[in-house]
C-alpha atoms as a PDB file:
ATOM      1  CA  MET A   1     -34.693  -9.084  52.089  1.00  0.00           C
ATOM      2  CA  LYS A   2     -31.125  -9.528  52.724  1.00  0.00           C
ATOM      3  CA  LEU A   3     -30.827  -5.999  54.426  1.00  0.00           C
ATOM      4  CA  ASN A   4     -33.994  -6.885  56.642  1.00  0.00           C
ATOM      5  CA  LYS A   5     -32.124 -10.137  57.879  1.00  0.00           C
ATOM      6  CA  GLU A   6     -29.053  -8.059  58.776  1.00  0.00           C
ATOM      7  CA  TYR A   7     -31.158  -5.639  60.781  1.00  0.00           C
ATOM      8  CA  ASP A   8     -32.715  -8.430  62.509  1.00  0.00           C
ATOM      9  CA  ARG A   9     -29.134  -9.986  63.269  1.00  0.00           C
ATOM     10  CA  TRP A  10     -28.006  -6.960  64.869  1.00  0.00           C
ATOM     11  CA  ASP A  11     -31.342  -6.703  66.611  1.00  0.00           C
ATOM     12  CA  ASP A  12     -30.403 -10.012  68.344  1.00  0.00           C
ATOM     13  CA  PHE A  13     -27.697  -8.528  69.887  1.00  0.00           C
ATOM     14  CA  GLY A  14     -29.863  -5.352  71.004  1.00  0.00           C
ATOM     15  CA  ILE A  15     -28.814  -3.004  68.647  1.00  0.00           C
ATOM     16  CA  ASN A  16     -31.722  -1.475  66.557  1.00  0.00           C
ATOM     17  CA  LEU A  17     -29.741   0.032  63.531  1.00  0.00           C
ATOM     18  CA  TRP A  18     -32.881   1.839  62.315  1.00  0.00           C
ATOM     19  CA  GLU A  19     -32.616   3.733  65.658  1.00  0.00           C
ATOM     20  CA  LEU A  20     -29.104   4.953  64.724  1.00  0.00           C
ATOM     21  CA  PRO A  21     -28.341   7.865  62.378  1.00  0.00           C
ATOM     22  CA  ILE A  22     -27.211   5.017  59.544  1.00  0.00           C
ATOM     23  CA  GLY A  23     -30.906   3.800  59.442  1.00  0.00           C
ATOM     24  CA  ASP A  24     -32.115   7.435  58.703  1.00  0.00           C
ATOM     25  CA  THR A  25     -29.157   7.911  56.152  1.00  0.00           C
ATOM     26  CA  VAL A  26     -29.866   4.676  54.356  1.00  0.00           C
ATOM     27  CA  ALA A  27     -33.771   5.389  54.117  1.00  0.00           C
ATOM     28  CA  ASP A  28     -33.118   9.134  52.963  1.00  0.00           C
ATOM     29  CA  LEU A  29     -30.705   8.054  50.282  1.00  0.00           C
ATOM     30  CA  ALA A  30     -33.076   5.206  48.953  1.00  0.00           C
ATOM     31  CA  GLU A  31     -35.862   7.590  48.997  1.00  0.00           C
ATOM     32  CA  SER A  32     -33.858  10.218  47.068  1.00  0.00           C
ATOM     33  CA  ILE A  33     -32.971   7.836  44.401  1.00  0.00           C
ATOM     34  CA  TRP A  34     -36.524   6.549  43.926  1.00  0.00           C
ATOM     35  CA  ASP A  35     -37.783  10.225  43.669  1.00  0.00           C
ATOM     36  CA  ILE A  36     -35.506  11.083  40.754  1.00  0.00           C
ATOM     37  CA  THR A  37     -35.655   7.775  39.224  1.00  0.00           C
ATOM     38  CA  PHE A  38     -39.475   7.132  39.166  1.00  0.00           C
ATOM     39  CA  ASP A  39     -42.749   9.010  39.204  1.00  0.00           C
ATOM     40  CA  GLU A  40     -45.188   8.992  42.184  1.00  0.00           C
ATOM     41  CA  ASP A  41     -46.851   5.827  41.026  1.00  0.00           C
ATOM     42  CA  GLY A  42     -43.325   4.091  40.900  1.00  0.00           C
ATOM     43  CA  VAL A  43     -42.267   5.494  44.386  1.00  0.00           C
ATOM     44  CA  ASP A  44     -45.747   4.123  45.807  1.00  0.00           C
ATOM     45  CA  TRP A  45     -45.129   0.830  44.256  1.00  0.00           C
ATOM     46  CA  ILE A  46     -41.566   0.494  45.763  1.00  0.00           C
ATOM     47  CA  ASN A  47     -42.963   1.697  49.439  1.00  0.00           C
ATOM     48  CA  TRP A  48     -45.719  -1.062  49.246  1.00  0.00           C
ATOM     49  CA  TRP A  49     -43.390  -3.788  47.934  1.00  0.00           C
ATOM     50  CA  ILE A  50     -41.022  -2.785  51.049  1.00  0.00           C
ATOM     51  CA  TYR A  51     -43.411  -1.877  53.818  1.00  0.00           C
ATOM     52  CA  GLU A  52     -46.906  -3.290  52.967  1.00  0.00           C
ATOM     53  CA  ARG A  53     -46.393  -6.322  51.174  1.00  0.00           C
ATOM     54  CA  PRO A  54     -44.554  -8.252  53.888  1.00  0.00           C
ATOM     55  CA  ALA A  55     -46.726 -10.137  56.539  1.00  0.00           C
ATOM     56  CA  LEU A  56     -47.322  -8.095  59.731  1.00  0.00           C
ATOM     57  CA  PHE A  57     -46.809 -11.102  61.936  1.00  0.00           C
ATOM     58  CA  GLU A  58     -44.529 -14.125  61.420  1.00  0.00           C
ATOM     59  CA  GLY A  59     -46.789 -17.015  59.890  1.00  0.00           C
ATOM     60  CA  ASP A  60     -49.230 -14.716  58.211  1.00  0.00           C
ATOM     61  CA  GLU A  61     -49.356 -14.597  54.368  1.00  0.00           C
ATOM     62  CA  VAL A  62     -47.902 -11.640  52.439  1.00  0.00           C
ATOM     63  CA  ASN A  63     -50.222  -9.147  51.142  1.00  0.00           C
ATOM     64  CA  LYS A  64     -50.862  -9.249  47.228  1.00  0.00           C
ATOM     65  CA  ALA A  65     -51.609  -7.014  44.648  1.00  0.00           C
ATOM     66  CA  TYR A  66     -54.270  -6.954  42.052  1.00  0.00           C
ATOM     67  CA  ASN A  67     -55.384  -5.528  38.588  1.00  0.00           C
ATOM     68  CA  GLU A  68     -58.477  -3.622  37.886  1.00  0.00           C
ATOM     69  CA  ASP A  69     -59.870  -6.700  36.616  1.00  0.00           C
ATOM     70  CA  GLY A  70     -59.098  -8.764  39.796  1.00  0.00           C
ATOM     71  CA  SER A  71     -56.174 -10.872  38.567  1.00  0.00           C
ATOM     72  CA  GLU A  72     -53.199 -11.103  40.902  1.00  0.00           C
ATOM     73  CA  ILE A  73     -50.260  -9.038  39.990  1.00  0.00           C
ATOM     74  CA  PRO A  74     -46.822 -10.969  40.543  1.00  0.00           C
ATOM     75  CA  THR A  75     -44.699  -9.174  43.430  1.00  0.00           C
ATOM     76  CA  GLU A  76     -43.002 -12.324  44.948  1.00  0.00           C
ATOM     77  CA  THR A  77     -39.447 -11.143  43.760  1.00  0.00           C
ATOM     78  CA  VAL A  78     -37.228  -8.021  42.954  1.00  0.00           C
ATOM     79  CA  ASP A  79     -37.640  -8.980  39.389  1.00  0.00           C
ATOM     80  CA  ASP A  80     -41.493  -8.826  39.628  1.00  0.00           C
ATOM     81  CA  LEU A  81     -41.199  -5.433  41.343  1.00  0.00           C
ATOM     82  CA  TRP A  82     -39.022  -4.228  38.500  1.00  0.00           C
ATOM     83  CA  ASN A  83     -41.540  -5.290  35.915  1.00  0.00           C
ATOM     84  CA  ILE A  84     -44.240  -3.104  37.908  1.00  0.00           C
ATOM     85  CA  VAL A  85     -41.929  -0.075  38.311  1.00  0.00           C
ATOM     86  CA  LYS A  86     -40.167   0.258  35.149  1.00  0.00           C
ATOM     87  CA  LYS A  87     -42.828   1.714  33.242  1.00  0.00           C
ATOM     88  CA  PHE A  88     -42.814   4.627  35.878  1.00  0.00           C
ATOM     89  CA  ARG A  89     -39.285   5.561  35.242  1.00  0.00           C
ATOM     90  CA  LYS A  90     -38.894   9.516  34.544  1.00  0.00           C
END
């Protein structure tokens, strides 16, 4: 994600933006928007896509999502995420 790359770039200079008040403000704003736009299932998918889908360590594969029948749910792009969460709009 472009935002994560920017945070990493600042981190290379020894500045962790997530530890500054701006990090909390951005996170709070995003979560507020999600909460008023999507029901709990939609917010869960967004959080999964941002925080749980990415590989924990560089070189590891990203986590995947599956339907009840075991088929993989496309989650590679923001468009894929939108295709999942749009049905959970309030």
